[in-house]
C-alpha atoms as a PDB file:
ATOM      1  CA  MET A   1      16.200  -4.906  -0.373  1.00  0.00           C
ATOM      2  CA  LYS A   2      16.805  -1.169  -0.739  1.00  0.00           C
ATOM      3  CA  ALA A   3      14.059   1.161   0.483  1.00  0.00           C
ATOM      4  CA  LEU A   4      12.273   3.351  -2.085  1.00  0.00           C
ATOM      5  CA  SER A   5      13.285   6.928  -1.440  1.00  0.00           C
ATOM      6  CA  SER A   6      11.948   8.313  -4.710  1.00  0.00           C
ATOM      7  CA  PRO A   7      10.142   5.835  -6.931  1.00  0.00           C
ATOM      8  CA  GLU A   8       9.730   6.722 -10.606  1.00  0.00           C
ATOM      9  CA  ASN A   9       6.877   4.414 -11.566  1.00  0.00           C
ATOM     10  CA  VAL A  10       4.405   3.098  -9.012  1.00  0.00           C
ATOM     11  CA  ALA A  11       1.313   0.950  -9.354  1.00  0.00           C
ATOM     12  CA  HIS A  12      -0.742   0.441  -6.177  1.00  0.00           C
ATOM     13  CA  ALA A  13      -3.932  -1.525  -5.658  1.00  0.00           C
ATOM     14  CA  ALA A  14      -5.890  -2.011  -2.426  1.00  0.00           C
ATOM     15  CA  GLU A  15      -8.866  -4.331  -2.053  1.00  0.00           C
ATOM     16  CA  ILE A  16     -12.220  -3.189  -0.724  1.00  0.00           C
ATOM     17  CA  PRO A  17     -11.767  -2.851   3.049  1.00  0.00           C
ATOM     18  CA  LEU A  18     -13.630  -4.880   5.679  1.00  0.00           C
ATOM     19  CA  VAL A  19     -14.920  -2.222   8.119  1.00  0.00           C
ATOM     20  CA  ARG A  20     -16.255  -2.784  11.644  1.00  0.00           C
ATOM     21  CA  PHE A  21     -18.103   0.042  13.371  1.00  0.00           C
ATOM     22  CA  THR A  22     -18.377   0.459  17.153  1.00  0.00           C
ATOM     23  CA  GLY A  23     -20.158   3.696  18.042  1.00  0.00           C
ATOM     24  CA  ASN A  24     -17.833   6.593  17.122  1.00  0.00           C
ATOM     25  CA  ALA A  25     -14.918   4.328  16.284  1.00  0.00           C
ATOM     26  CA  ALA A  26     -14.178   1.918  13.437  1.00  0.00           C
ATOM     27  CA  THR A  27     -11.471  -0.461  12.287  1.00  0.00           C
ATOM     28  CA  SER A  28     -10.729  -1.771   8.835  1.00  0.00           C
ATOM     29  CA  VAL A  29      -8.457  -4.241   7.062  1.00  0.00           C
ATOM     30  CA  SER A  30      -7.607  -4.166   3.389  1.00  0.00           C
ATOM     31  CA  HIS A  31      -4.990  -6.036   1.396  1.00  0.00           C
ATOM     32  CA  LEU A  32      -2.570  -4.289  -0.953  1.00  0.00           C
ATOM     33  CA  ASP A  33      -0.216  -4.974  -3.872  1.00  0.00           C
ATOM     34  CA  ALA A  34       2.312  -2.426  -5.048  1.00  0.00           C
ATOM     35  CA  ASP A  35       4.942  -2.391  -7.789  1.00  0.00           C
ATOM     36  CA  ALA A  36       7.586   0.335  -8.031  1.00  0.00           C
ATOM     37  CA  VAL A  37      10.796   1.193  -9.848  1.00  0.00           C
ATOM     38  CA  PRO A  38      13.311   3.242  -7.852  1.00  0.00           C
ATOM     39  CA  ALA A  39      14.534   6.371  -9.630  1.00  0.00           C
ATOM     40  CA  GLY A  40      17.666   5.613 -11.656  1.00  0.00           C
ATOM     41  CA  SER A  41      17.135   1.859 -11.496  1.00  0.00           C
ATOM     42  CA  ASP A  42      15.922  -0.726 -13.985  1.00  0.00           C
ATOM     43  CA  GLU A  43      14.897  -3.199 -11.263  1.00  0.00           C
ATOM     44  CA  ALA A  44      11.220  -3.417 -10.356  1.00  0.00           C
ATOM     45  CA  MET A  45      10.177  -4.069  -6.717  1.00  0.00           C
ATOM     46  CA  VAL A  46       7.047  -5.909  -5.692  1.00  0.00           C
ATOM     47  CA  LEU A  47       5.304  -5.597  -2.278  1.00  0.00           C
ATOM     48  CA  SER A  48       2.273  -7.390  -0.913  1.00  0.00           C
ATOM     49  CA  GLY A  49       0.651  -6.764   2.462  1.00  0.00           C
ATOM     50  CA  ARG A  50      -2.299  -5.254   4.264  1.00  0.00           C
ATOM     51  CA  TYR A  51      -3.457  -2.036   5.912  1.00  0.00           C
ATOM     52  CA  GLU A  52      -4.927  -2.143   9.412  1.00  0.00           C
ATOM     53  CA  ASP A  53      -6.667   1.218  10.043  1.00  0.00           C
ATOM     54  CA  GLU A  54      -8.394   2.832  13.000  1.00  0.00           C
ATOM     55  CA  PHE A  55     -10.928   5.637  12.544  1.00  0.00           C
ATOM     56  CA  ILE A  56     -12.688   8.026  14.917  1.00  0.00           C
ATOM     57  CA  LYS A  57     -15.848  10.038  14.316  1.00  0.00           C
ATOM     58  CA  ASP A  58     -15.643  13.649  15.499  1.00  0.00           C
ATOM     59  CA  ALA A  59     -18.278  16.365  14.868  1.00  0.00           C
ATOM     60  CA  GLY A  60     -20.014  14.143  12.325  1.00  0.00           C
ATOM     61  CA  ARG A  61     -16.871  13.377  10.249  1.00  0.00           C
ATOM     62  CA  TRP A  62     -14.741  10.248  10.118  1.00  0.00           C
ATOM     63  CA  TRP A  63     -10.977  10.713  10.549  1.00  0.00           C
ATOM     64  CA  LEU A  64      -8.098   8.268  10.133  1.00  0.00           C
ATOM     65  CA  LYS A  65      -6.580   7.868  13.581  1.00  0.00           C
ATOM     66  CA  LYS A  66      -3.916   5.219  12.948  1.00  0.00           C
ATOM     67  CA  ARG A  67      -2.603   3.178  10.024  1.00  0.00           C
ATOM     68  CA  LYS A  68      -0.459   0.077  10.349  1.00  0.00           C
ATOM     69  CA  ILE A  69       1.093  -1.377   7.195  1.00  0.00           C
ATOM     70  CA  ILE A  70       2.000  -5.031   7.415  1.00  0.00           C
ATOM     71  CA  GLY A  71       4.179  -6.425   4.624  1.00  0.00           C
ATOM     72  CA  TYR A  72       3.747 -10.052   3.649  1.00  0.00           C
ATOM     73  CA  TYR A  73       6.697  -9.949   1.283  1.00  0.00           C
ATOM     74  CA  ALA A  74       8.862  -7.575  -0.765  1.00  0.00           C
ATOM     75  CA  ARG A  75      11.004  -8.870  -3.553  1.00  0.00           C
ATOM     76  CA  SER A  76      12.704  -7.886  -6.761  1.00  0.00           C
ATOM     77  CA  GLY A  77      10.329  -8.039  -9.729  1.00  0.00           C
ATOM     78  CA  GLY A  78      13.169  -8.348 -12.278  1.00  0.00           C
ATOM     79  CA  LYS A  79      14.290  -5.979 -14.988  1.00  0.00           C
ATOM     80  CA  TYR A  80      11.800  -3.185 -15.722  1.00  0.00           C
ATOM     81  CA  VAL A  81      11.087  -2.390 -19.335  1.00  0.00           C
ATOM     82  CA  LEU A  82       8.773   0.536 -20.151  1.00  0.00           C
ATOM     83  CA  GLY A  83       5.722  -0.555 -22.159  1.00  0.00           C
ATOM     84  CA  ARG A  84       5.091  -4.162 -23.058  1.00  0.00           C
ATOM     85  CA  GLY A  85       8.736  -5.191 -22.820  1.00  0.00           C
ATOM     86  CA  GLU A  86       9.122  -6.110 -26.477  1.00  0.00           C
END
């Protein structure tokens, strides 16, 4: 499957994360679904996976330290038609 260098239409949804705090550090896991259409293409792409994040608290603020994206699957979503596809 071709990588998306410049998607035209993207829909992305992430579930509410499960967060675990340990002092000034935290980890979280959240699942994601994304649909995209590469620029100049009429083929939709579908991705499902999860984010695994690490955070650190510094001077009273939380910062994203590391993000790992794990894909469960990526596949063609078929021909993309703008609107309802009628």
